[in-house]
N, C-alpha and C. Protein backbone atom coordinates (compact mmCIF):
# COMPACT_ATOMS: atom_id res chain seq x y z
N MET A 1 30.35 2.58 34.60
CA MET A 1 29.93 2.93 33.26
C MET A 1 30.20 1.79 32.28
N LYS A 2 31.35 1.12 32.45
CA LYS A 2 31.68 0.03 31.55
C LYS A 2 30.72 -1.13 31.72
N THR A 3 30.27 -1.36 32.94
CA THR A 3 29.34 -2.45 33.20
C THR A 3 28.00 -2.18 32.51
N LYS A 4 27.57 -0.93 32.54
CA LYS A 4 26.30 -0.57 31.92
C LYS A 4 26.38 -0.73 30.40
N SER A 5 27.47 -0.31 29.79
CA SER A 5 27.60 -0.45 28.33
C SER A 5 27.75 -1.91 27.93
N LYS A 6 28.41 -2.72 28.77
CA LYS A 6 28.50 -4.16 28.48
C LYS A 6 27.13 -4.81 28.55
N THR A 7 26.33 -4.40 29.52
CA THR A 7 24.97 -4.95 29.67
C THR A 7 24.11 -4.57 28.47
N ILE A 8 24.21 -3.34 28.04
CA ILE A 8 23.44 -2.89 26.87
C ILE A 8 23.90 -3.64 25.62
N LEU A 9 25.20 -3.80 25.47
CA LEU A 9 25.74 -4.53 24.32
C LEU A 9 25.28 -5.99 24.32
N LEU A 10 25.30 -6.62 25.48
CA LEU A 10 24.84 -8.00 25.59
C LEU A 10 23.35 -8.12 25.28
N ALA A 11 22.55 -7.19 25.78
CA ALA A 11 21.11 -7.20 25.50
C ALA A 11 20.84 -6.99 24.02
N LEU A 12 21.58 -6.10 23.39
CA LEU A 12 21.43 -5.86 21.96
C LEU A 12 21.82 -7.10 21.16
N PHE A 13 22.90 -7.74 21.54
CA PHE A 13 23.32 -8.97 20.87
C PHE A 13 22.25 -10.05 20.99
N CYS A 14 21.71 -10.24 22.18
CA CYS A 14 20.67 -11.26 22.40
C CYS A 14 19.43 -10.95 21.58
N LEU A 15 19.06 -9.69 21.50
CA LEU A 15 17.89 -9.29 20.73
C LEU A 15 18.10 -9.58 19.24
N LEU A 16 19.25 -9.20 18.72
CA LEU A 16 19.53 -9.44 17.31
C LEU A 16 19.64 -10.93 17.00
N TYR A 17 20.17 -11.69 17.93
CA TYR A 17 20.28 -13.14 17.74
C TYR A 17 18.91 -13.79 17.67
N THR A 18 18.01 -13.41 18.55
CA THR A 18 16.67 -14.01 18.54
C THR A 18 15.88 -13.58 17.31
N ILE A 19 16.10 -12.38 16.82
CA ILE A 19 15.43 -11.95 15.59
C ILE A 19 15.90 -12.80 14.42
N SER A 20 17.18 -13.12 14.37
CA SER A 20 17.69 -13.94 13.27
C SER A 20 17.12 -15.35 13.33
N LEU A 21 16.83 -15.87 14.51
CA LEU A 21 16.23 -17.20 14.62
C LEU A 21 14.78 -17.20 14.15
N ALA A 22 14.12 -16.08 14.24
CA ALA A 22 12.72 -15.98 13.81
C ALA A 22 12.60 -16.02 12.30
N GLN A 23 13.68 -15.85 11.59
CA GLN A 23 13.66 -15.82 10.14
C GLN A 23 14.09 -17.15 9.53
N ASP A 24 13.74 -18.23 10.15
CA ASP A 24 14.13 -19.56 9.68
C ASP A 24 13.48 -19.86 8.34
N ARG A 25 14.23 -20.41 7.40
CA ARG A 25 13.72 -20.72 6.08
C ARG A 25 13.03 -22.08 6.01
N LEU A 26 13.23 -22.91 6.99
CA LEU A 26 12.63 -24.22 6.99
C LEU A 26 11.11 -24.11 7.02
N GLY A 27 10.45 -24.74 6.09
CA GLY A 27 9.00 -24.72 6.04
C GLY A 27 8.41 -23.64 5.17
N LEU A 28 9.21 -22.72 4.67
CA LEU A 28 8.69 -21.70 3.78
C LEU A 28 8.47 -22.28 2.39
N PRO A 29 7.39 -21.91 1.72
CA PRO A 29 7.16 -22.44 0.37
C PRO A 29 8.18 -21.88 -0.62
N ARG A 30 8.52 -22.70 -1.58
CA ARG A 30 9.44 -22.25 -2.63
C ARG A 30 8.65 -21.42 -3.63
N ILE A 31 9.06 -20.21 -3.84
CA ILE A 31 8.35 -19.31 -4.74
C ILE A 31 9.22 -19.04 -5.95
N ILE A 32 8.66 -19.30 -7.13
CA ILE A 32 9.35 -19.05 -8.39
C ILE A 32 8.50 -18.10 -9.21
N ASN A 33 9.08 -17.03 -9.69
CA ASN A 33 8.37 -16.09 -10.55
C ASN A 33 8.67 -16.43 -12.00
N TYR A 34 7.61 -16.56 -12.80
CA TYR A 34 7.74 -16.85 -14.22
C TYR A 34 7.34 -15.62 -15.01
N SER A 35 8.07 -15.34 -16.07
CA SER A 35 7.71 -14.22 -16.93
C SER A 35 6.74 -14.72 -18.00
N LYS A 36 6.11 -13.79 -18.70
CA LYS A 36 5.18 -14.18 -19.76
C LYS A 36 5.91 -14.90 -20.89
N ASP A 37 7.20 -14.67 -21.02
CA ASP A 37 7.98 -15.39 -22.03
C ASP A 37 8.16 -16.86 -21.67
N ASP A 38 8.16 -17.18 -20.38
CA ASP A 38 8.29 -18.57 -19.95
C ASP A 38 7.07 -19.39 -20.34
N TYR A 39 5.88 -18.84 -20.12
CA TYR A 39 4.67 -19.61 -20.42
C TYR A 39 3.98 -19.17 -21.71
N ARG A 40 4.60 -18.26 -22.44
CA ARG A 40 4.15 -17.83 -23.76
C ARG A 40 2.67 -17.43 -23.79
N ALA A 41 2.31 -16.52 -22.92
CA ALA A 41 0.94 -16.01 -22.87
C ALA A 41 0.95 -14.59 -22.33
N ALA A 42 -0.23 -14.06 -22.03
CA ALA A 42 -0.35 -12.69 -21.54
C ALA A 42 0.11 -12.59 -20.09
N THR A 43 0.25 -11.37 -19.63
CA THR A 43 0.73 -11.15 -18.26
C THR A 43 -0.36 -11.30 -17.21
N MET A 44 -1.62 -11.20 -17.60
CA MET A 44 -2.72 -11.25 -16.63
C MET A 44 -3.25 -12.67 -16.47
N ASN A 45 -3.12 -13.21 -15.26
CA ASN A 45 -3.71 -14.50 -14.91
C ASN A 45 -4.89 -14.22 -13.98
N TRP A 46 -6.07 -14.69 -14.36
CA TRP A 46 -7.28 -14.36 -13.63
C TRP A 46 -7.70 -15.43 -12.64
N SER A 47 -7.33 -16.66 -12.91
CA SER A 47 -7.77 -17.74 -12.03
C SER A 47 -6.73 -18.84 -12.04
N ILE A 48 -6.58 -19.52 -10.90
CA ILE A 48 -5.63 -20.62 -10.77
C ILE A 48 -6.35 -21.79 -10.11
N LEU A 49 -6.15 -22.99 -10.66
CA LEU A 49 -6.81 -24.18 -10.13
C LEU A 49 -5.87 -25.36 -10.27
N ARG A 50 -5.83 -26.20 -9.24
CA ARG A 50 -5.07 -27.45 -9.33
C ARG A 50 -6.04 -28.55 -9.69
N GLY A 51 -5.77 -29.22 -10.81
CA GLY A 51 -6.65 -30.27 -11.30
C GLY A 51 -6.40 -31.60 -10.62
N PRO A 52 -7.29 -32.57 -10.82
CA PRO A 52 -7.13 -33.90 -10.22
C PRO A 52 -5.92 -34.65 -10.77
N ASP A 53 -5.44 -34.22 -11.95
CA ASP A 53 -4.26 -34.84 -12.55
C ASP A 53 -2.96 -34.28 -12.01
N GLY A 54 -3.04 -33.30 -11.09
CA GLY A 54 -1.84 -32.71 -10.49
C GLY A 54 -1.34 -31.48 -11.22
N LYS A 55 -1.87 -31.20 -12.39
CA LYS A 55 -1.46 -30.01 -13.13
C LYS A 55 -2.11 -28.78 -12.53
N ILE A 56 -1.46 -27.65 -12.74
CA ILE A 56 -2.02 -26.37 -12.30
C ILE A 56 -2.50 -25.64 -13.55
N TYR A 57 -3.75 -25.21 -13.51
CA TYR A 57 -4.38 -24.54 -14.66
C TYR A 57 -4.53 -23.05 -14.36
N PHE A 58 -4.20 -22.24 -15.36
CA PHE A 58 -4.27 -20.79 -15.24
C PHE A 58 -5.23 -20.24 -16.28
N GLY A 59 -6.19 -19.45 -15.83
CA GLY A 59 -7.05 -18.71 -16.74
C GLY A 59 -6.37 -17.40 -17.07
N ASN A 60 -5.96 -17.25 -18.32
CA ASN A 60 -5.13 -16.14 -18.76
C ASN A 60 -5.89 -15.33 -19.80
N ASN A 61 -5.43 -14.12 -20.11
CA ASN A 61 -6.04 -13.32 -21.17
C ASN A 61 -5.99 -14.04 -22.51
N TYR A 62 -5.01 -14.91 -22.72
CA TYR A 62 -4.88 -15.63 -23.99
C TYR A 62 -5.64 -16.95 -23.99
N GLY A 63 -6.14 -17.39 -22.85
CA GLY A 63 -6.86 -18.66 -22.77
C GLY A 63 -6.46 -19.44 -21.54
N LEU A 64 -6.62 -20.76 -21.63
CA LEU A 64 -6.30 -21.65 -20.52
C LEU A 64 -4.91 -22.24 -20.72
N ILE A 65 -4.11 -22.21 -19.67
CA ILE A 65 -2.74 -22.72 -19.72
C ILE A 65 -2.58 -23.77 -18.63
N ALA A 66 -1.92 -24.88 -18.95
CA ALA A 66 -1.66 -25.94 -17.97
C ALA A 66 -0.17 -26.00 -17.68
N TYR A 67 0.17 -26.21 -16.42
CA TYR A 67 1.56 -26.34 -16.01
C TYR A 67 1.70 -27.62 -15.20
N ASP A 68 2.60 -28.51 -15.65
CA ASP A 68 2.79 -29.80 -14.97
C ASP A 68 4.02 -29.84 -14.08
N GLY A 69 4.63 -28.70 -13.85
CA GLY A 69 5.83 -28.64 -13.04
C GLY A 69 7.09 -28.50 -13.88
N VAL A 70 6.96 -28.80 -15.18
CA VAL A 70 8.09 -28.67 -16.10
C VAL A 70 7.68 -27.88 -17.34
N ASN A 71 6.57 -28.26 -17.94
CA ASN A 71 6.14 -27.68 -19.21
C ASN A 71 4.86 -26.86 -19.06
N TRP A 72 4.80 -25.79 -19.86
CA TRP A 72 3.61 -24.96 -19.97
C TRP A 72 2.92 -25.35 -21.27
N ASP A 73 1.64 -25.71 -21.20
CA ASP A 73 0.90 -26.12 -22.39
C ASP A 73 -0.37 -25.30 -22.52
N PRO A 74 -0.54 -24.60 -23.66
CA PRO A 74 -1.81 -23.89 -23.88
C PRO A 74 -2.92 -24.89 -24.16
N ILE A 75 -4.08 -24.71 -23.54
CA ILE A 75 -5.22 -25.61 -23.74
C ILE A 75 -6.18 -25.01 -24.76
N LEU A 76 -6.50 -23.74 -24.61
CA LEU A 76 -7.44 -23.07 -25.51
C LEU A 76 -6.76 -21.95 -26.24
């Protein structure tokens, strides 16, 4: 009986160990949530585009907003 419970315990440990390896953070994109107070506009963003200048443009209920990685600038 002890051998059977040791085998089950070992199998459970191996299963849990491999599941933890599947959750590697390396390569996952960094996700940051911004509130409407951060970019000083409405909560609804309808379109997102990366421009040739490297900025990210957001079509918002208040107009067009540009983000350069540091600053939020209203365009319209």
